N, C-alpha and C. Protein backbone atom coordinates (compact mmCIF):
# COMPACT_ATOMS: atom_id res chain seq x y z
N MET A 1 -3.64 -18.84 7.18
CA MET A 1 -3.43 -17.46 6.56
C MET A 1 -2.78 -17.69 5.22
N ASN A 2 -3.10 -17.32 4.26
CA ASN A 2 -1.97 -17.35 2.96
C ASN A 2 -0.95 -16.39 3.38
N ARG A 3 0.40 -16.87 2.95
CA ARG A 3 1.29 -16.18 3.32
C ARG A 3 1.63 -14.61 2.83
N GLY A 4 0.97 -14.37 1.61
CA GLY A 4 1.05 -13.27 1.26
C GLY A 4 0.38 -12.18 1.81
N LEU A 5 -0.99 -12.67 2.13
CA LEU A 5 -2.37 -12.01 3.12
C LEU A 5 -1.42 -11.69 4.51
N ALA A 6 -1.11 -12.71 5.05
CA ALA A 6 -0.09 -12.53 6.41
C ALA A 6 0.71 -11.34 6.28
N THR A 7 1.53 -11.38 5.32
CA THR A 7 2.59 -10.17 5.18
C THR A 7 1.76 -9.00 5.11
N LEU A 8 0.93 -8.91 4.57
CA LEU A 8 0.04 -7.48 4.33
C LEU A 8 -0.66 -7.16 5.52
N VAL A 9 -0.93 -8.07 6.36
CA VAL A 9 -1.57 -7.84 7.86
C VAL A 9 -0.49 -7.33 8.70
N THR A 10 0.73 -7.83 8.44
CA THR A 10 1.77 -7.61 9.42
C THR A 10 2.30 -6.43 9.08
N THR A 11 2.32 -5.91 8.08
CA THR A 11 2.69 -4.66 7.29
C THR A 11 1.81 -3.27 7.85
N LEU A 12 0.29 -3.76 8.01
CA LEU A 12 -0.35 -2.67 8.42
C LEU A 12 -0.36 -2.52 10.33
N LEU A 13 -0.13 -4.07 10.76
CA LEU A 13 -0.13 -3.60 12.16
C LEU A 13 1.09 -3.22 12.75
N VAL A 14 2.43 -3.30 12.08
CA VAL A 14 3.42 -2.99 12.22
C VAL A 14 3.94 -1.61 12.17
N ALA A 15 3.36 -1.04 10.82
CA ALA A 15 4.02 0.34 10.50
C ALA A 15 3.45 1.40 11.68
N LEU A 16 2.29 0.93 12.39
CA LEU A 16 1.81 2.22 13.08
C LEU A 16 2.80 2.65 14.50
N PRO A 17 3.11 1.25 15.24
CA PRO A 17 4.00 1.83 16.39
C PRO A 17 5.25 2.09 15.93
N LEU A 18 5.72 2.29 14.73
CA LEU A 18 7.19 2.79 14.29
C LEU A 18 7.09 4.39 14.03
N SER A 19 5.93 4.70 13.80
CA SER A 19 5.49 6.02 13.61
C SER A 19 6.06 6.93 14.48
N GLY A 20 5.66 6.83 15.78
CA GLY A 20 5.96 7.88 16.94
C GLY A 20 7.56 7.53 17.23
N CYS A 21 8.30 6.55 16.78
CA CYS A 21 9.64 6.34 16.93
C CYS A 21 10.27 7.49 16.11
N GLY A 22 9.77 7.30 14.78
CA GLY A 22 10.22 8.26 13.62
C GLY A 22 10.26 9.71 14.03
N ALA A 23 8.97 10.10 14.58
CA ALA A 23 8.60 11.66 14.90
C ALA A 23 9.63 12.02 15.93
N ASP A 24 9.84 11.18 16.97
CA ASP A 24 10.61 11.31 18.01
C ASP A 24 11.94 11.82 17.68
N ALA A 25 12.40 10.67 16.90
CA ALA A 25 14.12 10.86 16.26
C ALA A 25 14.32 12.24 15.63
N SER A 26 13.50 12.59 15.12
CA SER A 26 13.59 14.19 14.30
C SER A 26 13.47 14.99 15.14
N SER A 27 12.58 14.88 16.15
CA SER A 27 12.53 16.35 17.03
C SER A 27 13.51 16.31 18.22
N SER A 28 14.49 15.43 18.28
CA SER A 28 15.44 15.45 19.13
C SER A 28 16.43 16.20 19.02
N ASP A 29 16.72 16.41 17.64
CA ASP A 29 17.63 17.06 17.24
C ASP A 29 17.26 18.50 16.85
N GLY A 30 17.94 19.67 17.31
CA GLY A 30 17.63 21.11 16.84
C GLY A 30 17.66 21.35 15.09
N GLY A 31 18.66 20.84 14.71
CA GLY A 31 18.77 20.81 13.30
C GLY A 31 17.63 20.19 12.59
N ALA A 32 17.33 19.06 13.04
CA ALA A 32 16.28 18.33 12.17
C ALA A 32 15.04 18.73 12.08
N GLN A 33 14.72 19.69 13.29
CA GLN A 33 13.42 20.36 13.30
C GLN A 33 13.04 21.34 12.44
N GLN A 34 14.33 21.75 11.73
CA GLN A 34 14.22 22.69 10.48
C GLN A 34 13.83 22.04 8.91
N ARG A 35 13.79 20.62 9.21
CA ARG A 35 13.40 19.60 8.29
C ARG A 35 11.97 19.08 8.51
N ASP A 36 11.71 18.80 7.15
CA ASP A 36 10.15 18.17 7.09
C ASP A 36 10.70 16.61 7.71
N PRO A 37 10.28 15.91 8.84
CA PRO A 37 10.46 14.84 9.23
C PRO A 37 9.72 13.86 8.44
N TYR A 38 8.99 14.09 7.71
CA TYR A 38 8.11 13.08 7.03
C TYR A 38 8.36 13.35 5.12
N ALA A 39 9.45 14.12 4.81
CA ALA A 39 9.67 14.31 3.55
C ALA A 39 9.51 13.08 2.49
N VAL A 40 8.93 13.05 1.46
CA VAL A 40 8.84 12.23 0.45
C VAL A 40 9.92 12.22 -0.35
N THR A 41 10.04 10.87 -1.27
CA THR A 41 10.52 11.12 -2.73
C THR A 41 10.22 12.00 -3.25
N GLU A 42 11.31 12.93 -3.79
CA GLU A 42 10.79 14.15 -4.47
C GLU A 42 9.89 14.14 -5.77
N GLU A 43 10.79 13.26 -6.80
CA GLU A 43 9.95 13.18 -7.94
C GLU A 43 9.84 11.58 -8.39
N PRO A 44 8.45 11.09 -8.45
CA PRO A 44 8.51 9.62 -8.78
C PRO A 44 9.15 9.29 -10.10
N THR A 45 10.12 8.09 -10.22
CA THR A 45 10.46 7.57 -11.34
C THR A 45 9.56 6.50 -11.97
N ILE A 46 8.27 6.39 -11.57
CA ILE A 46 7.26 5.54 -12.33
C ILE A 46 6.14 6.24 -12.07
N ASP A 47 5.19 5.84 -13.01
CA ASP A 47 3.85 6.52 -13.24
C ASP A 47 2.86 6.24 -11.78
N VAL A 48 2.44 7.26 -10.97
CA VAL A 48 2.00 7.01 -9.49
C VAL A 48 0.58 7.49 -9.51
N ASP A 49 0.27 8.39 -10.38
CA ASP A 49 -0.90 9.21 -10.38
C ASP A 49 -2.32 8.17 -10.74
N GLN A 50 -3.25 8.55 -9.96
CA GLN A 50 -4.55 7.88 -9.92
C GLN A 50 -5.15 8.02 -11.63
N LEU A 51 -5.60 6.81 -12.16
CA LEU A 51 -6.39 7.30 -13.38
C LEU A 51 -7.72 6.69 -13.39
N ASP A 52 -8.26 6.92 -14.65
CA ASP A 52 -9.53 6.52 -14.87
C ASP A 52 -9.69 5.05 -15.13
N PRO A 53 -10.72 4.39 -14.83
CA PRO A 53 -10.59 2.89 -15.18
C PRO A 53 -10.53 2.55 -16.66
N PRO A 54 -9.57 1.84 -17.15
CA PRO A 54 -9.89 1.55 -18.74
C PRO A 54 -11.01 0.96 -18.85
N SER A 55 -11.38 0.81 -20.37
CA SER A 55 -12.79 0.36 -20.92
C SER A 55 -12.99 -0.97 -20.59
N ASP A 56 -11.72 -1.83 -20.34
CA ASP A 56 -12.01 -3.08 -20.16
C ASP A 56 -11.89 -3.66 -18.73
N TYR A 57 -11.99 -2.60 -17.94
CA TYR A 57 -12.16 -2.75 -16.58
C TYR A 57 -13.63 -2.75 -15.96
N SER A 58 -13.85 -3.41 -14.74
CA SER A 58 -15.33 -3.37 -14.32
C SER A 58 -15.21 -2.53 -12.87
N THR A 59 -15.89 -1.41 -12.49
CA THR A 59 -15.73 -0.97 -11.36
C THR A 59 -16.55 -1.71 -10.30
N ILE A 60 -15.98 -1.57 -9.03
CA ILE A 60 -16.27 -2.63 -8.12
C ILE A 60 -16.49 -1.32 -6.89
N GLU A 61 -17.99 -1.41 -6.23
CA GLU A 61 -18.18 -0.53 -5.34
C GLU A 61 -17.82 -1.10 -3.82
N GLY A 62 -17.07 -0.70 -3.05
CA GLY A 62 -16.46 -1.01 -1.82
C GLY A 62 -17.28 -0.38 -0.81
N SER A 63 -17.01 -0.58 0.32
CA SER A 63 -17.34 0.11 1.51
C SER A 63 -16.59 1.54 1.69
N GLY A 64 -16.98 2.77 0.93
CA GLY A 64 -16.61 4.00 1.08
C GLY A 64 -15.39 4.39 -0.01
N PHE A 65 -15.48 3.39 -1.12
CA PHE A 65 -14.76 3.42 -2.34
C PHE A 65 -15.29 2.97 -3.34
N THR A 66 -14.35 3.25 -4.60
CA THR A 66 -14.50 2.46 -6.00
C THR A 66 -13.26 1.93 -5.90
N ILE A 67 -13.44 0.95 -6.96
CA ILE A 67 -12.15 0.56 -7.53
C ILE A 67 -12.38 -0.18 -8.54
N ALA A 68 -11.50 -0.28 -9.63
CA ALA A 68 -11.74 -1.19 -10.96
C ALA A 68 -10.83 -2.18 -11.28
N ALA A 69 -11.33 -3.22 -11.92
CA ALA A 69 -10.16 -4.37 -12.25
C ALA A 69 -10.70 -5.05 -13.44
N PRO A 70 -9.92 -5.86 -14.31
CA PRO A 70 -10.40 -6.58 -15.16
C PRO A 70 -10.84 -7.92 -14.78
N GLY A 71 -11.75 -8.47 -15.62
CA GLY A 71 -12.54 -9.55 -15.12
C GLY A 71 -12.03 -10.89 -14.68
N GLU A 72 -10.65 -11.17 -15.11
CA GLU A 72 -9.97 -12.24 -14.62
C GLU A 72 -9.41 -12.35 -13.06
N PHE A 73 -9.73 -10.99 -12.55
CA PHE A 73 -9.57 -11.11 -11.15
C PHE A 73 -10.85 -11.54 -10.33
N GLN A 74 -10.48 -12.60 -9.69
CA GLN A 74 -11.57 -13.05 -8.76
C GLN A 74 -11.71 -11.80 -7.52
N GLN A 75 -12.89 -11.85 -7.37
CA GLN A 75 -13.44 -10.66 -5.98
C GLN A 75 -13.97 -11.91 -4.73
N GLN A 76 -13.03 -11.61 -3.65
CA GLN A 76 -13.09 -11.78 -2.47
C GLN A 76 -13.63 -10.91 -1.27
N THR A 77 -14.76 -10.92 -0.50
CA THR A 77 -14.97 -10.19 0.74
C THR A 77 -15.08 -11.07 1.63
N SER A 78 -14.42 -10.17 2.93
CA SER A 78 -14.54 -10.88 4.07
C SER A 78 -14.27 -9.71 5.25
N THR A 79 -13.98 -10.42 6.25
CA THR A 79 -13.92 -9.14 7.54
C THR A 79 -12.52 -9.03 8.07
N SER A 80 -12.04 -7.83 8.25
CA SER A 80 -10.60 -7.68 8.76
C SER A 80 -10.47 -7.74 10.22
N PRO A 81 -9.50 -8.37 10.71
CA PRO A 81 -9.31 -8.32 12.29
C PRO A 81 -10.02 -7.13 12.86
N ASN A 82 -9.99 -6.07 12.46
CA ASN A 82 -10.86 -5.05 13.02
C ASN A 82 -12.27 -4.89 13.07
N GLY A 83 -12.84 -5.80 12.13
CA GLY A 83 -14.57 -5.71 12.15
C GLY A 83 -14.89 -5.09 10.76
N GLU A 84 -13.74 -4.26 10.14
CA GLU A 84 -14.11 -3.92 8.98
C GLU A 84 -14.17 -4.68 7.89
N PRO A 85 -14.79 -4.54 6.80
CA PRO A 85 -14.84 -5.24 5.30
C PRO A 85 -13.67 -4.92 4.71
N ARG A 86 -13.24 -6.11 3.93
CA ARG A 86 -12.17 -6.22 3.21
C ARG A 86 -12.16 -6.76 1.96
N LEU A 87 -11.96 -6.31 0.74
CA LEU A 87 -11.94 -6.73 -0.50
C LEU A 87 -10.76 -7.26 -1.02
N VAL A 88 -10.82 -8.42 -1.70
CA VAL A 88 -9.48 -9.03 -2.17
C VAL A 88 -9.73 -9.22 -3.57
N LEU A 89 -8.75 -8.55 -4.52
CA LEU A 89 -8.68 -8.93 -5.99
C LEU A 89 -7.63 -9.82 -6.38
N GLU A 90 -7.79 -11.04 -7.11
CA GLU A 90 -6.68 -11.77 -7.37
C GLU A 90 -6.62 -12.60 -8.44
N LYS A 91 -5.83 -12.98 -8.79
CA LYS A 91 -5.57 -14.01 -10.29
C LYS A 91 -4.03 -14.20 -10.14
N PRO A 92 -3.96 -15.80 -10.46
CA PRO A 92 -3.11 -16.56 -10.24
C PRO A 92 -1.54 -15.89 -10.93
N SER A 93 -0.49 -15.97 -10.59
CA SER A 93 0.83 -15.63 -11.19
C SER A 93 1.43 -16.65 -11.56
N SER A 94 2.69 -16.46 -12.01
CA SER A 94 3.71 -17.67 -12.46
C SER A 94 4.13 -18.39 -11.13
N VAL A 95 4.21 -17.91 -10.13
CA VAL A 95 4.56 -18.14 -9.12
C VAL A 95 3.45 -18.66 -7.95
N GLN A 96 3.13 -19.87 -7.54
CA GLN A 96 1.98 -20.41 -7.24
C GLN A 96 1.59 -19.95 -5.84
N GLN A 97 2.81 -19.34 -4.80
CA GLN A 97 2.35 -19.04 -3.60
C GLN A 97 2.22 -17.78 -3.21
N VAL A 98 2.51 -16.94 -4.77
CA VAL A 98 2.74 -15.42 -4.77
C VAL A 98 1.76 -15.09 -5.83
N PRO A 99 0.38 -14.88 -5.48
CA PRO A 99 -0.41 -14.72 -6.66
C PRO A 99 -0.43 -12.87 -7.25
N GLN A 100 -1.10 -12.43 -8.09
CA GLN A 100 -1.35 -10.91 -8.34
C GLN A 100 -2.24 -10.98 -7.41
N ARG A 101 -2.25 -9.74 -6.43
CA ARG A 101 -3.20 -9.43 -5.56
C ARG A 101 -3.33 -8.05 -5.24
N VAL A 102 -4.76 -7.56 -5.19
CA VAL A 102 -4.81 -6.47 -4.79
C VAL A 102 -5.72 -6.46 -3.56
N VAL A 103 -5.34 -5.96 -2.14
CA VAL A 103 -6.40 -5.92 -1.17
C VAL A 103 -6.57 -4.49 -0.65
N VAL A 104 -7.97 -4.63 -0.38
CA VAL A 104 -8.52 -2.77 0.22
C VAL A 104 -9.04 -2.95 1.71
N ILE A 105 -8.17 -2.43 2.52
CA ILE A 105 -8.56 -2.48 4.28
C ILE A 105 -8.86 -1.14 4.64
N ARG A 106 -9.97 -1.33 5.46
CA ARG A 106 -10.27 0.21 5.99
C ARG A 106 -9.69 0.19 7.84
N ASP A 107 -8.99 1.37 7.78
CA ASP A 107 -8.40 1.74 9.05
C ASP A 107 -9.41 2.89 9.82
N VAL A 108 -10.14 2.33 10.76
CA VAL A 108 -11.00 3.16 11.19
C VAL A 108 -10.54 3.92 12.67
N GLU A 109 -10.74 4.99 12.90
CA GLU A 109 -10.19 5.71 14.09
C GLU A 109 -8.81 5.66 14.11
N PRO A 110 -8.18 5.99 13.22
CA PRO A 110 -6.54 5.60 13.14
C PRO A 110 -5.80 6.39 14.24
N ALA A 111 -4.68 5.87 15.03
CA ALA A 111 -4.07 6.54 15.89
C ALA A 111 -3.27 7.77 15.57
N LYS A 112 -2.48 7.18 14.04
CA LYS A 112 -1.56 8.25 13.56
C LYS A 112 -2.20 8.40 12.05
N ASP A 113 -1.87 9.47 11.65
CA ASP A 113 -2.54 10.03 10.40
C ASP A 113 -1.45 9.02 9.29
N ALA A 114 -1.78 9.44 8.05
CA ALA A 114 -1.40 8.96 6.87
C ALA A 114 -0.14 8.96 6.68
N GLU A 115 0.02 10.34 6.98
CA GLU A 115 1.60 11.00 6.77
C GLU A 115 2.55 10.01 7.68
N GLU A 116 2.33 10.23 9.03
CA GLU A 116 3.14 9.54 9.79
C GLU A 116 3.15 7.81 9.58
N GLN A 117 1.97 7.39 9.23
CA GLN A 117 1.80 5.77 9.13
C GLN A 117 2.84 5.49 7.74
N SER A 118 2.49 6.30 6.78
CA SER A 118 3.17 6.13 5.61
C SER A 118 4.86 6.21 5.85
N PHE A 119 5.11 7.27 6.55
CA PHE A 119 6.66 7.44 7.04
C PHE A 119 7.29 6.41 7.60
N ALA A 120 6.43 5.70 8.69
CA ALA A 120 6.76 4.36 9.59
C ALA A 120 7.36 3.43 8.61
N LEU A 121 6.01 3.15 7.63
CA LEU A 121 6.34 1.96 6.75
C LEU A 121 7.65 2.20 5.75
N GLU A 122 7.69 3.48 5.38
CA GLU A 122 8.90 3.62 4.54
C GLU A 122 10.35 3.32 5.42
N THR A 123 10.16 3.69 6.60
CA THR A 123 11.34 3.45 7.32
C THR A 123 11.72 2.12 7.90
N TRP A 124 10.48 1.40 8.04
CA TRP A 124 10.84 -0.07 8.26
C TRP A 124 11.22 -0.92 7.12
N LYS A 125 10.52 -0.59 6.09
CA LYS A 125 11.01 -1.41 5.22
C LYS A 125 12.52 -1.02 4.63
N ALA A 126 12.82 0.28 4.51
CA ALA A 126 13.98 0.76 4.25
C ALA A 126 15.22 -0.03 5.01
N ALA A 127 14.78 0.21 6.41
CA ALA A 127 15.93 -0.63 7.14
C ALA A 127 16.22 -2.02 6.81
N GLY A 128 15.40 -2.70 6.20
CA GLY A 128 15.35 -4.03 5.98
C GLY A 128 16.04 -4.26 4.60
N ASP A 129 15.74 -3.24 3.90
CA ASP A 129 16.37 -3.44 2.40
C ASP A 129 18.05 -3.58 2.36
N LYS A 130 18.32 -4.74 1.91
CA LYS A 130 19.75 -4.99 1.70
C LYS A 130 20.53 -4.40 0.25
N ASP A 131 19.65 -4.16 -0.43
CA ASP A 131 20.38 -3.74 -1.63
C ASP A 131 21.08 -2.40 -1.68
N GLU A 132 22.19 -2.43 -2.44
CA GLU A 132 23.18 -1.32 -2.66
C GLU A 132 22.27 -0.01 -2.76
N GLU A 133 21.30 0.11 -3.61
CA GLU A 133 20.32 1.12 -3.97
C GLU A 133 19.02 0.66 -3.48
N SER A 134 18.58 1.51 -2.65
CA SER A 134 17.24 1.08 -1.96
C SER A 134 16.15 0.97 -2.77
N THR A 135 15.09 0.07 -2.51
CA THR A 135 13.94 -0.27 -3.50
C THR A 135 12.91 0.51 -2.97
N VAL A 136 12.86 1.04 -1.73
CA VAL A 136 11.78 1.61 -0.97
C VAL A 136 11.59 3.11 -1.22
N HIS A 137 10.35 3.45 -1.98
CA HIS A 137 10.24 4.69 -2.38
C HIS A 137 8.89 5.31 -1.68
N ARG A 138 8.84 6.63 -1.44
CA ARG A 138 7.30 7.11 -0.57
C ARG A 138 6.94 8.18 -1.70
N TYR A 139 5.75 8.25 -1.72
CA TYR A 139 5.25 9.64 -2.85
C TYR A 139 3.91 10.11 -2.13
N ARG A 140 3.70 11.46 -2.38
CA ARG A 140 2.63 11.99 -1.87
C ARG A 140 1.85 12.33 -3.05
N LEU A 141 0.40 11.83 -3.20
CA LEU A 141 -0.49 11.79 -4.34
C LEU A 141 -1.18 12.98 -4.30
N ASP A 142 -1.58 13.62 -5.30
CA ASP A 142 -2.92 14.49 -5.37
C ASP A 142 -4.13 13.92 -4.38
N ALA A 143 -5.09 14.67 -3.86
CA ALA A 143 -6.07 14.40 -2.93
C ALA A 143 -6.91 15.48 -2.88
N PRO A 144 -8.28 15.39 -2.97
CA PRO A 144 -9.16 16.68 -2.57
C PRO A 144 -8.94 17.34 -1.30
N ASP A 145 -9.32 18.66 -1.17
CA ASP A 145 -8.92 19.43 0.04
C ASP A 145 -9.67 18.51 1.36
N GLY A 146 -8.71 18.50 2.18
CA GLY A 146 -9.45 17.81 3.50
C GLY A 146 -8.88 16.46 3.53
N GLN A 147 -8.26 15.75 2.39
CA GLN A 147 -7.87 14.60 2.49
C GLN A 147 -6.32 14.37 2.05
N GLN A 148 -5.49 13.30 2.37
CA GLN A 148 -4.34 13.09 1.86
C GLN A 148 -4.04 11.77 1.28
N ALA A 149 -2.94 11.35 0.60
CA ALA A 149 -2.74 10.21 0.26
C ALA A 149 -1.29 10.13 -0.12
N PHE A 150 -0.73 8.69 0.24
CA PHE A 150 0.58 8.30 0.26
C PHE A 150 0.71 7.27 -0.20
N LEU A 151 1.72 6.96 -1.21
CA LEU A 151 2.15 5.41 -1.64
C LEU A 151 3.63 5.34 -1.37
N VAL A 152 3.55 3.82 -0.77
CA VAL A 152 5.18 3.51 -0.52
C VAL A 152 5.06 2.23 -1.29
N THR A 153 6.20 2.12 -1.97
CA THR A 153 6.78 1.03 -2.78
C THR A 153 7.94 0.35 -2.50
N TRP A 154 8.01 -0.92 -2.52
CA TRP A 154 9.19 -1.56 -2.11
C TRP A 154 9.12 -3.03 -2.46
N ASP A 155 10.60 -3.46 -2.63
CA ASP A 155 10.78 -5.20 -3.22
C ASP A 155 10.97 -5.70 -1.81
N GLU A 156 10.68 -6.97 -1.63
CA GLU A 156 11.22 -8.08 -0.62
C GLU A 156 11.10 -9.33 -0.92
N ALA A 157 12.29 -10.12 -0.54
CA ALA A 157 12.10 -11.43 -0.74
C ALA A 157 11.22 -12.22 0.33
N GLN A 158 10.42 -13.12 -0.46
CA GLN A 158 9.62 -14.15 0.14
C GLN A 158 10.15 -15.60 0.30
N ALA A 159 9.88 -16.32 1.19
CA ALA A 159 10.25 -17.53 1.15
C ALA A 159 9.39 -18.52 0.18
N GLY A 160 10.28 -19.30 -0.65
CA GLY A 160 9.54 -20.08 -1.61
C GLY A 160 9.22 -21.25 -1.12
N ARG A 161 8.26 -22.27 -1.99
CA ARG A 161 8.09 -23.52 -1.65
C ARG A 161 9.02 -24.45 -2.33
N ARG A 162 10.09 -25.36 -1.64
CA ARG A 162 11.02 -25.96 -2.39
C ARG A 162 11.79 -25.17 -3.45
N THR A 163 11.83 -24.19 -3.34
CA THR A 163 12.79 -23.24 -4.36
C THR A 163 13.29 -22.16 -3.60
N SER A 164 14.35 -21.36 -4.24
CA SER A 164 14.82 -20.21 -3.63
C SER A 164 13.86 -19.04 -3.51
N ASP A 165 14.19 -18.16 -2.58
CA ASP A 165 13.05 -17.05 -2.39
C ASP A 165 12.59 -16.46 -3.36
N VAL A 166 11.45 -15.86 -3.44
CA VAL A 166 10.97 -15.12 -4.31
C VAL A 166 10.66 -13.57 -4.26
N GLN A 167 11.36 -13.01 -5.08
CA GLN A 167 11.23 -11.36 -4.97
C GLN A 167 9.79 -11.07 -5.37
N VAL A 168 9.15 -10.17 -4.37
CA VAL A 168 7.92 -9.55 -4.64
C VAL A 168 7.90 -8.26 -4.37
N THR A 169 7.05 -7.68 -5.43
CA THR A 169 6.93 -6.02 -5.61
C THR A 169 5.61 -5.60 -4.85
N TYR A 170 5.80 -4.82 -3.83
CA TYR A 170 4.70 -4.57 -3.25
C TYR A 170 4.08 -2.83 -3.35
N TRP A 171 3.28 -2.46 -3.56
CA TRP A 171 2.84 -1.03 -3.22
C TRP A 171 1.48 -0.85 -2.59
N GLN A 172 1.90 0.12 -1.27
CA GLN A 172 0.91 0.44 -0.76
C GLN A 172 0.22 1.73 -0.46
N LEU A 173 -1.11 2.11 -0.83
CA LEU A 173 -1.75 3.25 -0.93
C LEU A 173 -2.41 3.74 0.51
N MET A 174 -1.99 4.65 1.16
CA MET A 174 -2.64 4.87 2.27
C MET A 174 -3.52 6.37 1.96
N TRP A 175 -4.67 6.24 1.74
CA TRP A 175 -5.74 7.70 1.74
C TRP A 175 -6.66 7.89 2.77
N GLN A 176 -6.04 8.94 3.19
CA GLN A 176 -6.69 9.61 4.42
C GLN A 176 -8.13 10.23 4.09
N VAL A 177 -9.35 9.89 4.23
CA VAL A 177 -10.56 10.51 3.74
C VAL A 177 -10.82 11.56 4.90
N ASP A 178 -10.65 11.40 6.23
CA ASP A 178 -10.98 12.10 7.18
C ASP A 178 -10.17 11.74 8.29
N ASP A 179 -10.27 12.28 9.44
CA ASP A 179 -9.53 12.06 10.77
C ASP A 179 -10.09 10.79 11.26
N ASP A 180 -11.01 10.31 11.06
CA ASP A 180 -11.49 9.04 11.26
C ASP A 180 -11.52 7.71 10.30
N LEU A 181 -10.73 7.79 9.23
CA LEU A 181 -10.78 6.79 8.46
C LEU A 181 -9.59 6.98 7.24
N ILE A 182 -8.70 6.03 7.37
CA ILE A 182 -7.72 5.61 6.43
C ILE A 182 -7.93 4.56 5.53
N ILE A 183 -8.06 4.58 4.23
CA ILE A 183 -8.27 3.30 3.53
C ILE A 183 -6.78 3.00 2.81
N ASN A 184 -6.43 1.82 3.25
CA ASN A 184 -5.44 1.13 2.75
C ASN A 184 -5.47 0.13 1.44
N VAL A 185 -4.91 0.49 0.42
CA VAL A 185 -4.85 -0.35 -0.80
C VAL A 185 -3.54 -1.08 -1.04
N VAL A 186 -3.34 -2.23 -0.90
CA VAL A 186 -1.85 -2.99 -1.02
C VAL A 186 -2.19 -4.07 -2.38
N ALA A 187 -0.96 -3.59 -3.39
CA ALA A 187 -1.12 -4.30 -4.50
C ALA A 187 0.35 -5.06 -4.51
N PHE A 188 0.38 -6.51 -4.95
CA PHE A 188 1.76 -7.09 -4.90
C PHE A 188 1.65 -8.16 -5.82
N ALA A 189 2.67 -8.45 -6.51
CA ALA A 189 3.11 -9.60 -7.58
C ALA A 189 4.43 -9.72 -7.75
N PRO A 190 4.83 -11.17 -8.01
CA PRO A 190 6.33 -11.24 -8.24
C PRO A 190 6.78 -10.09 -8.89
N ALA A 191 8.17 -9.91 -8.45
CA ALA A 191 8.84 -8.74 -8.85
C ALA A 191 8.93 -9.18 -10.65
N ALA A 192 9.18 -10.46 -10.98
CA ALA A 192 9.77 -10.56 -12.40
C ALA A 192 8.44 -10.22 -13.50
N GLU A 193 7.11 -10.05 -12.71
CA GLU A 193 5.92 -9.76 -13.93
C GLU A 193 5.05 -8.67 -13.31
N PHE A 194 5.56 -8.00 -12.36
CA PHE A 194 4.53 -6.84 -11.58
C PHE A 194 4.57 -5.72 -12.17
N GLU A 195 5.62 -5.40 -13.42
CA GLU A 195 5.49 -4.20 -14.44
C GLU A 195 4.32 -4.78 -15.52
N THR A 196 4.34 -5.82 -15.90
CA THR A 196 3.17 -6.39 -16.92
C THR A 196 1.85 -6.79 -16.41
N SER A 197 1.74 -6.86 -14.75
CA SER A 197 0.55 -7.36 -14.16
C SER A 197 -0.43 -6.00 -14.17
N GLU A 198 -1.64 -6.27 -14.00
CA GLU A 198 -2.58 -5.21 -13.69
C GLU A 198 -2.79 -4.74 -12.06
N VAL A 199 -1.73 -5.33 -11.35
CA VAL A 199 -2.12 -4.81 -9.92
C VAL A 199 -1.73 -3.57 -9.75
N SER A 200 -0.78 -2.79 -10.45
CA SER A 200 -0.69 -1.32 -9.86
C SER A 200 -1.77 -0.40 -10.55
N ARG A 201 -2.34 -0.60 -11.78
CA ARG A 201 -3.27 -0.15 -12.50
C ARG A 201 -4.20 -0.09 -11.69
N ILE A 202 -4.81 -1.27 -11.32
CA ILE A 202 -5.93 -1.81 -10.50
C ILE A 202 -6.01 -0.81 -9.11
N LEU A 203 -4.86 -0.59 -8.47
CA LEU A 203 -4.61 0.27 -7.34
C LEU A 203 -4.93 1.86 -7.90
N ARG A 204 -4.27 2.36 -8.82
CA ARG A 204 -4.42 3.68 -8.95
C ARG A 204 -5.81 4.03 -9.60
N THR A 205 -6.68 3.03 -9.77
CA THR A 205 -8.22 3.49 -10.27
C THR A 205 -9.06 3.51 -8.62
N PHE A 206 -8.36 3.62 -7.51
CA PHE A 206 -9.08 3.57 -6.37
C PHE A 206 -9.46 5.15 -6.11
N GLN A 207 -10.51 5.28 -5.73
CA GLN A 207 -11.05 6.60 -5.29
C GLN A 207 -12.14 6.39 -4.25
N PRO A 208 -12.06 7.25 -3.12
CA PRO A 208 -13.03 7.30 -1.91
C PRO A 208 -14.40 7.79 -2.50
N SER A 209 -15.33 7.10 -2.19
CA SER A 209 -16.34 7.63 -2.36
C SER A 209 -17.21 8.55 -1.34
N SER A 210 -17.93 9.57 -1.56
CA SER A 210 -18.62 10.60 -0.72
C SER A 210 -19.37 9.89 0.44
N GLY A 211 -19.29 10.22 1.55
CA GLY A 211 -19.96 9.63 2.47
C GLY A 211 -19.11 8.16 2.93
N ALA A 212 -17.73 8.32 2.70
CA ALA A 212 -17.09 6.91 3.04
C ALA A 212 -16.98 6.66 4.49
């Protein structure tokens, strides 16, 4: 399995068990019960709102969602370990082992909701962040009534091939369509070119479709 995709799958699988730990830790302290245990970053320092696809993007119909990307991103469809369809949008980057990539994965009948899962992911990534100022942030996004959406962003080092480690920037969107479905959208690219890449804009065109 490609190293970047392996990191993605690990992220999705490991985040869930941690969510229970985060909730228990908050409720064990009487004072903590008065605070929101899943409080998100107050104000985004970057543009995280969903956007309409730019004119040079093509809309892609997925299983229960739409997303848009420019033509240079290759599309691949496969089946996730949970048996659900997976969409991968990818183009080469300046670092051979870390492409610019966006992956969409369906989490059916989730054991924890998107709020808890995103909090667990934020907690896990923040625990491993060695920077003096953490790169891990979590935002609540606007979503229709009955749905909720959270975005977690972070940087982490990935082992390079014959070179020093490569710093990679990740955005992970968890969009809870209903009690039985969360759609995860993960965008990543080498940190040095993340802002000039299209991956974050591709992620921000994501929309769940009716009857997801």
